[in-house]
Amino acid sequence: MTDTIFIKGLVIHARHGVMDHETEVGQRFVIDIELFADLSDSSRTDHLADTVSYANVVTTAVAAFKNKNYKLLERAAGAVADAILVAFPRIRAAKVTVHKPHAPIAAIFEDVGVVLTRSRHPPNG
């Protein structure tokens, strides 16, 4: 059984992009995170220790996203997914969507971004 914890609309100012002004001034990014885990214990016990703290996930995601300036959204999203999987052993997979609403594109658009899903590798053996 896989259940989902989600965080939508996490707004972070960061300096990712390939253009000079993106890395100098930065811009607003919006991140959506879906975490896949078995939440059956916490649904019965009502104990925070039996689940994953949303606050801790947000802290981890923000640090991973802002720690370094990436050229590609794919790399920034991958850093968030990887950090979450390292920090939270209960999480089986993480889906990270990064929206770049002010991307330097010469067109009128509603949204642009990437969606990455990363899973734990099965144990060797």
N, C-alpha and C. Protein backbone atom coordinates (compact mmCIF):
# COMPACT_ATOMS: atom_id res chain seq x y z
N MET A 1 0.84 -1.18 0.00
CA MET A 1 0.00 0.00 0.00
C MET A 1 0.89 1.25 0.00
N THR A 2 0.53 2.19 -0.83
CA THR A 2 1.25 3.46 -0.85
C THR A 2 0.28 4.60 -0.65
N ASP A 3 0.57 5.43 0.31
CA ASP A 3 -0.23 6.61 0.60
C ASP A 3 0.59 7.83 0.18
N THR A 4 -0.04 8.99 0.21
CA THR A 4 0.63 10.19 -0.28
C THR A 4 0.54 11.34 0.71
N ILE A 5 1.66 11.98 0.93
CA ILE A 5 1.74 13.26 1.64
C ILE A 5 2.06 14.29 0.56
N PHE A 6 1.36 15.42 0.56
CA PHE A 6 1.66 16.42 -0.46
C PHE A 6 1.85 17.81 0.14
N ILE A 7 2.68 18.58 -0.53
CA ILE A 7 2.93 19.98 -0.21
C ILE A 7 2.82 20.71 -1.54
N LYS A 8 1.89 21.65 -1.64
CA LYS A 8 1.68 22.36 -2.90
C LYS A 8 1.93 23.85 -2.73
N GLY A 9 2.54 24.43 -3.74
CA GLY A 9 2.69 25.87 -3.78
C GLY A 9 3.76 26.45 -2.88
N LEU A 10 4.81 25.69 -2.63
CA LEU A 10 5.93 26.19 -1.82
C LEU A 10 6.71 27.21 -2.66
N VAL A 11 6.70 28.45 -2.25
CA VAL A 11 7.33 29.53 -3.01
C VAL A 11 8.73 29.79 -2.46
N ILE A 12 9.71 29.77 -3.37
CA ILE A 12 11.10 29.98 -2.98
C ILE A 12 11.75 30.94 -3.98
N HIS A 13 12.47 31.93 -3.46
CA HIS A 13 13.26 32.80 -4.32
C HIS A 13 14.65 32.18 -4.43
N ALA A 14 15.08 31.94 -5.68
CA ALA A 14 16.39 31.32 -5.88
C ALA A 14 17.01 31.85 -7.16
N ARG A 15 18.25 31.47 -7.39
CA ARG A 15 19.03 32.01 -8.52
C ARG A 15 19.40 30.92 -9.51
N HIS A 16 18.40 30.22 -10.04
CA HIS A 16 18.64 29.16 -11.01
C HIS A 16 18.35 29.66 -12.41
N GLY A 17 19.14 29.19 -13.38
CA GLY A 17 18.90 29.53 -14.77
C GLY A 17 20.19 29.61 -15.54
N VAL A 18 20.06 29.71 -16.85
CA VAL A 18 21.24 29.76 -17.71
C VAL A 18 21.64 31.19 -18.08
N MET A 19 20.74 32.14 -17.87
CA MET A 19 21.04 33.52 -18.22
C MET A 19 21.64 34.25 -17.03
N ASP A 20 22.53 35.21 -17.30
CA ASP A 20 23.23 35.93 -16.24
C ASP A 20 22.28 36.61 -15.26
N HIS A 21 21.24 37.26 -15.76
CA HIS A 21 20.33 37.97 -14.86
C HIS A 21 19.57 37.02 -13.93
N GLU A 22 19.38 35.78 -14.36
CA GLU A 22 18.70 34.80 -13.50
C GLU A 22 19.56 34.44 -12.29
N THR A 23 20.84 34.35 -12.51
CA THR A 23 21.73 33.99 -11.40
C THR A 23 22.12 35.19 -10.55
N GLU A 24 22.02 36.38 -11.11
CA GLU A 24 22.35 37.59 -10.35
C GLU A 24 21.18 38.04 -9.49
N VAL A 25 20.03 38.17 -10.08
CA VAL A 25 18.85 38.71 -9.39
C VAL A 25 18.01 37.60 -8.77
N GLY A 26 17.92 36.50 -9.47
CA GLY A 26 17.06 35.40 -9.03
C GLY A 26 15.61 35.65 -9.39
N GLN A 27 14.79 34.70 -9.03
CA GLN A 27 13.37 34.80 -9.32
C GLN A 27 12.59 33.85 -8.44
N ARG A 28 11.29 33.95 -8.55
CA ARG A 28 10.38 33.12 -7.75
C ARG A 28 10.16 31.79 -8.46
N PHE A 29 10.25 30.73 -7.68
CA PHE A 29 9.93 29.38 -8.15
C PHE A 29 8.83 28.85 -7.24
N VAL A 30 8.03 27.96 -7.77
CA VAL A 30 6.97 27.32 -6.98
C VAL A 30 7.19 25.82 -7.07
N ILE A 31 7.19 25.17 -5.91
CA ILE A 31 7.46 23.73 -5.86
C ILE A 31 6.26 23.00 -5.27
N ASP A 32 5.90 21.91 -5.93
CA ASP A 32 4.91 20.97 -5.43
C ASP A 32 5.64 19.66 -5.16
N ILE A 33 5.33 19.05 -4.02
CA ILE A 33 6.00 17.81 -3.63
C ILE A 33 4.94 16.77 -3.27
N GLU A 34 5.09 15.58 -3.82
CA GLU A 34 4.26 14.43 -3.42
C GLU A 34 5.21 13.37 -2.90
N LEU A 35 4.90 12.87 -1.72
CA LEU A 35 5.73 11.86 -1.08
C LEU A 35 4.92 10.59 -0.92
N PHE A 36 5.46 9.49 -1.36
CA PHE A 36 4.76 8.22 -1.33
C PHE A 36 5.34 7.34 -0.23
N ALA A 37 4.48 6.91 0.67
CA ALA A 37 4.91 6.12 1.83
C ALA A 37 3.73 5.32 2.35
N ASP A 38 4.01 4.36 3.19
CA ASP A 38 2.96 3.63 3.89
C ASP A 38 2.63 4.40 5.16
N LEU A 39 1.45 4.98 5.21
CA LEU A 39 1.03 5.78 6.36
C LEU A 39 0.05 5.02 7.27
N SER A 40 0.02 3.71 7.14
CA SER A 40 -0.94 2.93 7.93
C SER A 40 -0.66 3.04 9.43
N ASP A 41 0.61 3.06 9.85
CA ASP A 41 0.90 3.18 11.28
C ASP A 41 0.38 4.50 11.84
N SER A 42 0.74 5.60 11.20
CA SER A 42 0.32 6.91 11.72
C SER A 42 -1.19 7.11 11.63
N SER A 43 -1.84 6.46 10.69
CA SER A 43 -3.29 6.59 10.59
C SER A 43 -4.00 5.88 11.75
N ARG A 44 -3.28 4.95 12.39
CA ARG A 44 -3.85 4.27 13.56
C ARG A 44 -3.38 4.87 14.88
N THR A 45 -2.10 5.26 14.95
CA THR A 45 -1.54 5.68 16.24
C THR A 45 -1.73 7.15 16.55
N ASP A 46 -1.83 8.00 15.53
CA ASP A 46 -1.94 9.45 15.70
C ASP A 46 -0.66 10.04 16.30
N HIS A 47 0.49 9.39 16.04
CA HIS A 47 1.77 9.86 16.56
C HIS A 47 2.63 10.39 15.42
N LEU A 48 3.19 11.57 15.61
CA LEU A 48 4.07 12.18 14.61
C LEU A 48 5.28 11.29 14.32
N ALA A 49 5.74 10.57 15.29
CA ALA A 49 6.90 9.69 15.11
C ALA A 49 6.64 8.58 14.10
N ASP A 50 5.37 8.31 13.80
CA ASP A 50 5.02 7.24 12.87
C ASP A 50 4.77 7.74 11.45
N THR A 51 5.12 9.00 11.18
CA THR A 51 4.92 9.56 9.85
C THR A 51 6.10 10.45 9.49
N VAL A 52 5.91 11.34 8.55
CA VAL A 52 6.94 12.28 8.13
C VAL A 52 6.43 13.69 8.39
N SER A 53 7.21 14.49 9.07
CA SER A 53 6.83 15.86 9.41
C SER A 53 6.87 16.74 8.17
N TYR A 54 5.73 17.38 7.86
CA TYR A 54 5.68 18.32 6.73
C TYR A 54 6.70 19.43 6.91
N ALA A 55 6.80 19.93 8.13
CA ALA A 55 7.73 21.03 8.41
C ALA A 55 9.17 20.62 8.11
N ASN A 56 9.53 19.41 8.48
CA ASN A 56 10.89 18.93 8.22
C ASN A 56 11.14 18.72 6.72
N VAL A 57 10.12 18.26 6.01
CA VAL A 57 10.24 18.10 4.56
C VAL A 57 10.46 19.46 3.90
N VAL A 58 9.70 20.47 4.32
CA VAL A 58 9.84 21.81 3.75
C VAL A 58 11.24 22.35 4.02
N THR A 59 11.73 22.20 5.23
CA THR A 59 13.08 22.66 5.57
C THR A 59 14.12 21.99 4.69
N THR A 60 13.99 20.69 4.51
CA THR A 60 14.92 19.93 3.68
C THR A 60 14.84 20.36 2.22
N ALA A 61 13.63 20.53 1.71
CA ALA A 61 13.43 20.92 0.31
C ALA A 61 13.99 22.31 0.03
N VAL A 62 13.71 23.25 0.91
CA VAL A 62 14.21 24.62 0.73
C VAL A 62 15.73 24.64 0.74
N ALA A 63 16.34 23.94 1.68
CA ALA A 63 17.80 23.91 1.75
C ALA A 63 18.39 23.31 0.48
N ALA A 64 17.83 22.21 0.02
CA ALA A 64 18.35 21.56 -1.20
C ALA A 64 18.18 22.44 -2.42
N PHE A 65 17.08 23.18 -2.48
CA PHE A 65 16.79 24.02 -3.64
C PHE A 65 17.66 25.27 -3.67
N LYS A 66 17.97 25.80 -2.49
CA LYS A 66 18.70 27.07 -2.41
C LYS A 66 20.20 26.92 -2.16
N ASN A 67 20.67 25.73 -1.80
CA ASN A 67 22.08 25.53 -1.44
C ASN A 67 23.04 25.87 -2.57
N LYS A 68 22.59 25.70 -3.79
CA LYS A 68 23.45 25.86 -4.94
C LYS A 68 22.65 26.51 -6.06
N ASN A 69 23.32 27.22 -6.94
CA ASN A 69 22.66 27.79 -8.11
C ASN A 69 22.80 26.81 -9.27
N TYR A 70 21.67 26.32 -9.74
CA TYR A 70 21.67 25.36 -10.84
C TYR A 70 21.28 26.05 -12.14
N LYS A 71 21.81 25.58 -13.23
CA LYS A 71 21.41 26.10 -14.54
C LYS A 71 20.07 25.52 -14.95
N LEU A 72 19.85 24.25 -14.66
CA LEU A 72 18.65 23.56 -15.13
C LEU A 72 17.66 23.27 -14.00
N LEU A 73 16.39 23.43 -14.31
CA LEU A 73 15.34 23.06 -13.35
C LEU A 73 15.41 21.57 -13.03
N GLU A 74 15.79 20.77 -14.02
CA GLU A 74 15.88 19.34 -13.80
C GLU A 74 16.85 19.03 -12.66
N ARG A 75 17.97 19.72 -12.63
CA ARG A 75 18.96 19.49 -11.57
C ARG A 75 18.46 19.98 -10.22
N ALA A 76 17.81 21.14 -10.22
CA ALA A 76 17.26 21.68 -8.97
C ALA A 76 16.19 20.75 -8.40
N ALA A 77 15.30 20.27 -9.24
CA ALA A 77 14.26 19.33 -8.80
C ALA A 77 14.87 18.03 -8.31
N GLY A 78 15.89 17.56 -9.03
CA GLY A 78 16.57 16.33 -8.62
C GLY A 78 17.26 16.47 -7.27
N ALA A 79 17.81 17.64 -7.00
CA ALA A 79 18.44 17.88 -5.70
C ALA A 79 17.42 17.80 -4.57
N VAL A 80 16.23 18.32 -4.81
CA VAL A 80 15.17 18.27 -3.80
C VAL A 80 14.74 16.82 -3.56
N ALA A 81 14.47 16.10 -4.64
CA ALA A 81 14.03 14.70 -4.51
C ALA A 81 15.09 13.86 -3.80
N ASP A 82 16.34 14.02 -4.20
CA ASP A 82 17.42 13.25 -3.59
C ASP A 82 17.56 13.56 -2.09
N ALA A 83 17.48 14.84 -1.74
CA ALA A 83 17.62 15.23 -0.33
C ALA A 83 16.49 14.65 0.51
N ILE A 84 15.29 14.64 -0.03
CA ILE A 84 14.15 14.09 0.71
C ILE A 84 14.33 12.59 0.93
N LEU A 85 14.74 11.87 -0.11
CA LEU A 85 14.92 10.42 0.04
C LEU A 85 16.04 10.09 1.03
N VAL A 86 17.08 10.91 1.08
CA VAL A 86 18.17 10.68 2.04
C VAL A 86 17.69 10.97 3.46
N ALA A 87 16.94 12.04 3.64
CA ALA A 87 16.57 12.49 4.99
C ALA A 87 15.41 11.71 5.61
N PHE A 88 14.56 11.11 4.79
CA PHE A 88 13.34 10.49 5.32
C PHE A 88 13.21 9.05 4.84
N PRO A 89 13.69 8.10 5.63
CA PRO A 89 13.67 6.70 5.21
C PRO A 89 12.27 6.12 5.00
N ARG A 90 11.26 6.72 5.60
CA ARG A 90 9.89 6.23 5.40
C ARG A 90 9.36 6.49 3.99
N ILE A 91 9.95 7.46 3.31
CA ILE A 91 9.48 7.84 1.98
C ILE A 91 10.02 6.84 0.95
N ARG A 92 9.11 6.25 0.19
CA ARG A 92 9.51 5.28 -0.85
C ARG A 92 9.83 5.96 -2.17
N ALA A 93 9.11 7.06 -2.44
CA ALA A 93 9.34 7.80 -3.68
C ALA A 93 8.92 9.24 -3.47
N ALA A 94 9.52 10.12 -4.25
CA ALA A 94 9.20 11.55 -4.17
C ALA A 94 8.97 12.08 -5.58
N LYS A 95 7.89 12.80 -5.74
CA LYS A 95 7.58 13.46 -7.01
C LYS A 95 7.71 14.96 -6.76
N VAL A 96 8.59 15.62 -7.50
CA VAL A 96 8.87 17.04 -7.29
C VAL A 96 8.55 17.78 -8.59
N THR A 97 7.68 18.76 -8.48
CA THR A 97 7.34 19.62 -9.61
C THR A 97 7.89 21.01 -9.31
N VAL A 98 8.68 21.54 -10.22
CA VAL A 98 9.20 22.89 -10.07
C VAL A 98 8.61 23.75 -11.19
N HIS A 99 7.89 24.78 -10.79
CA HIS A 99 7.30 25.74 -11.72
C HIS A 99 8.21 26.96 -11.78
N LYS A 100 8.41 27.47 -12.98
CA LYS A 100 9.22 28.67 -13.17
C LYS A 100 8.34 29.71 -13.88
N PRO A 101 7.49 30.39 -13.11
CA PRO A 101 6.48 31.26 -13.72
C PRO A 101 7.03 32.47 -14.46
N HIS A 102 8.29 32.83 -14.22
CA HIS A 102 8.87 33.99 -14.90
C HIS A 102 10.05 33.58 -15.77
N ALA A 103 9.95 32.41 -16.37
CA ALA A 103 11.02 31.93 -17.25
C ALA A 103 11.22 32.91 -18.41
N PRO A 104 12.47 33.11 -18.82
CA PRO A 104 12.74 34.06 -19.90
C PRO A 104 12.38 33.46 -21.26
N ILE A 105 11.10 33.41 -21.54
CA ILE A 105 10.60 32.86 -22.80
C ILE A 105 9.86 33.99 -23.52
N ALA A 106 10.13 34.15 -24.79
CA ALA A 106 9.50 35.22 -25.57
C ALA A 106 8.11 34.78 -26.03
N ALA A 107 7.23 34.57 -25.06
CA ALA A 107 5.87 34.15 -25.36
C ALA A 107 5.02 34.38 -24.12
N ILE A 108 3.73 34.41 -24.33
CA ILE A 108 2.80 34.46 -23.20
C ILE A 108 2.47 33.02 -22.84
N PHE A 109 2.71 32.66 -21.58
CA PHE A 109 2.44 31.29 -21.15
C PHE A 109 1.92 31.29 -19.73
N GLU A 110 1.21 30.24 -19.39
CA GLU A 110 0.66 30.12 -18.05
C GLU A 110 1.67 29.53 -17.08
N ASP A 111 2.40 28.52 -17.52
CA ASP A 111 3.31 27.84 -16.61
C ASP A 111 4.35 27.08 -17.42
N VAL A 112 5.49 26.90 -16.81
CA VAL A 112 6.55 26.09 -17.40
C VAL A 112 7.31 25.46 -16.23
N GLY A 113 7.81 24.27 -16.43
CA GLY A 113 8.55 23.63 -15.35
C GLY A 113 8.88 22.20 -15.66
N VAL A 114 9.27 21.47 -14.63
CA VAL A 114 9.62 20.06 -14.76
C VAL A 114 8.95 19.27 -13.64
N VAL A 115 8.76 17.99 -13.91
CA VAL A 115 8.25 17.06 -12.92
C VAL A 115 9.20 15.87 -12.91
N LEU A 116 9.78 15.59 -11.74
CA LEU A 116 10.67 14.44 -11.59
C LEU A 116 10.12 13.52 -10.50
N THR A 117 10.21 12.23 -10.74
CA THR A 117 9.85 11.25 -9.72
C THR A 117 11.07 10.38 -9.48
N ARG A 118 11.45 10.29 -8.22
CA ARG A 118 12.60 9.48 -7.84
C ARG A 118 12.16 8.48 -6.79
N SER A 119 12.63 7.24 -6.94
CA SER A 119 12.29 6.17 -6.01
C SER A 119 13.55 5.60 -5.40
N ARG A 120 13.36 4.98 -4.25
CA ARG A 120 14.48 4.26 -3.64
C ARG A 120 14.80 3.06 -4.50
N HIS A 121 16.09 2.75 -4.61
CA HIS A 121 16.48 1.55 -5.32
C HIS A 121 16.19 0.34 -4.43
N PRO A 122 15.71 -0.74 -5.02
CA PRO A 122 15.50 -1.94 -4.17
C PRO A 122 16.81 -2.41 -3.59
N PRO A 123 16.76 -3.01 -2.40
CA PRO A 123 18.01 -3.48 -1.78
C PRO A 123 18.68 -4.54 -2.66
N ASN A 124 20.00 -4.54 -2.65
CA ASN A 124 20.74 -5.55 -3.44
C ASN A 124 20.54 -6.91 -2.81
N GLY A 125 20.46 -7.89 -3.64
CA GLY A 125 20.39 -9.23 -3.09
C GLY A 125 19.41 -10.03 -3.76
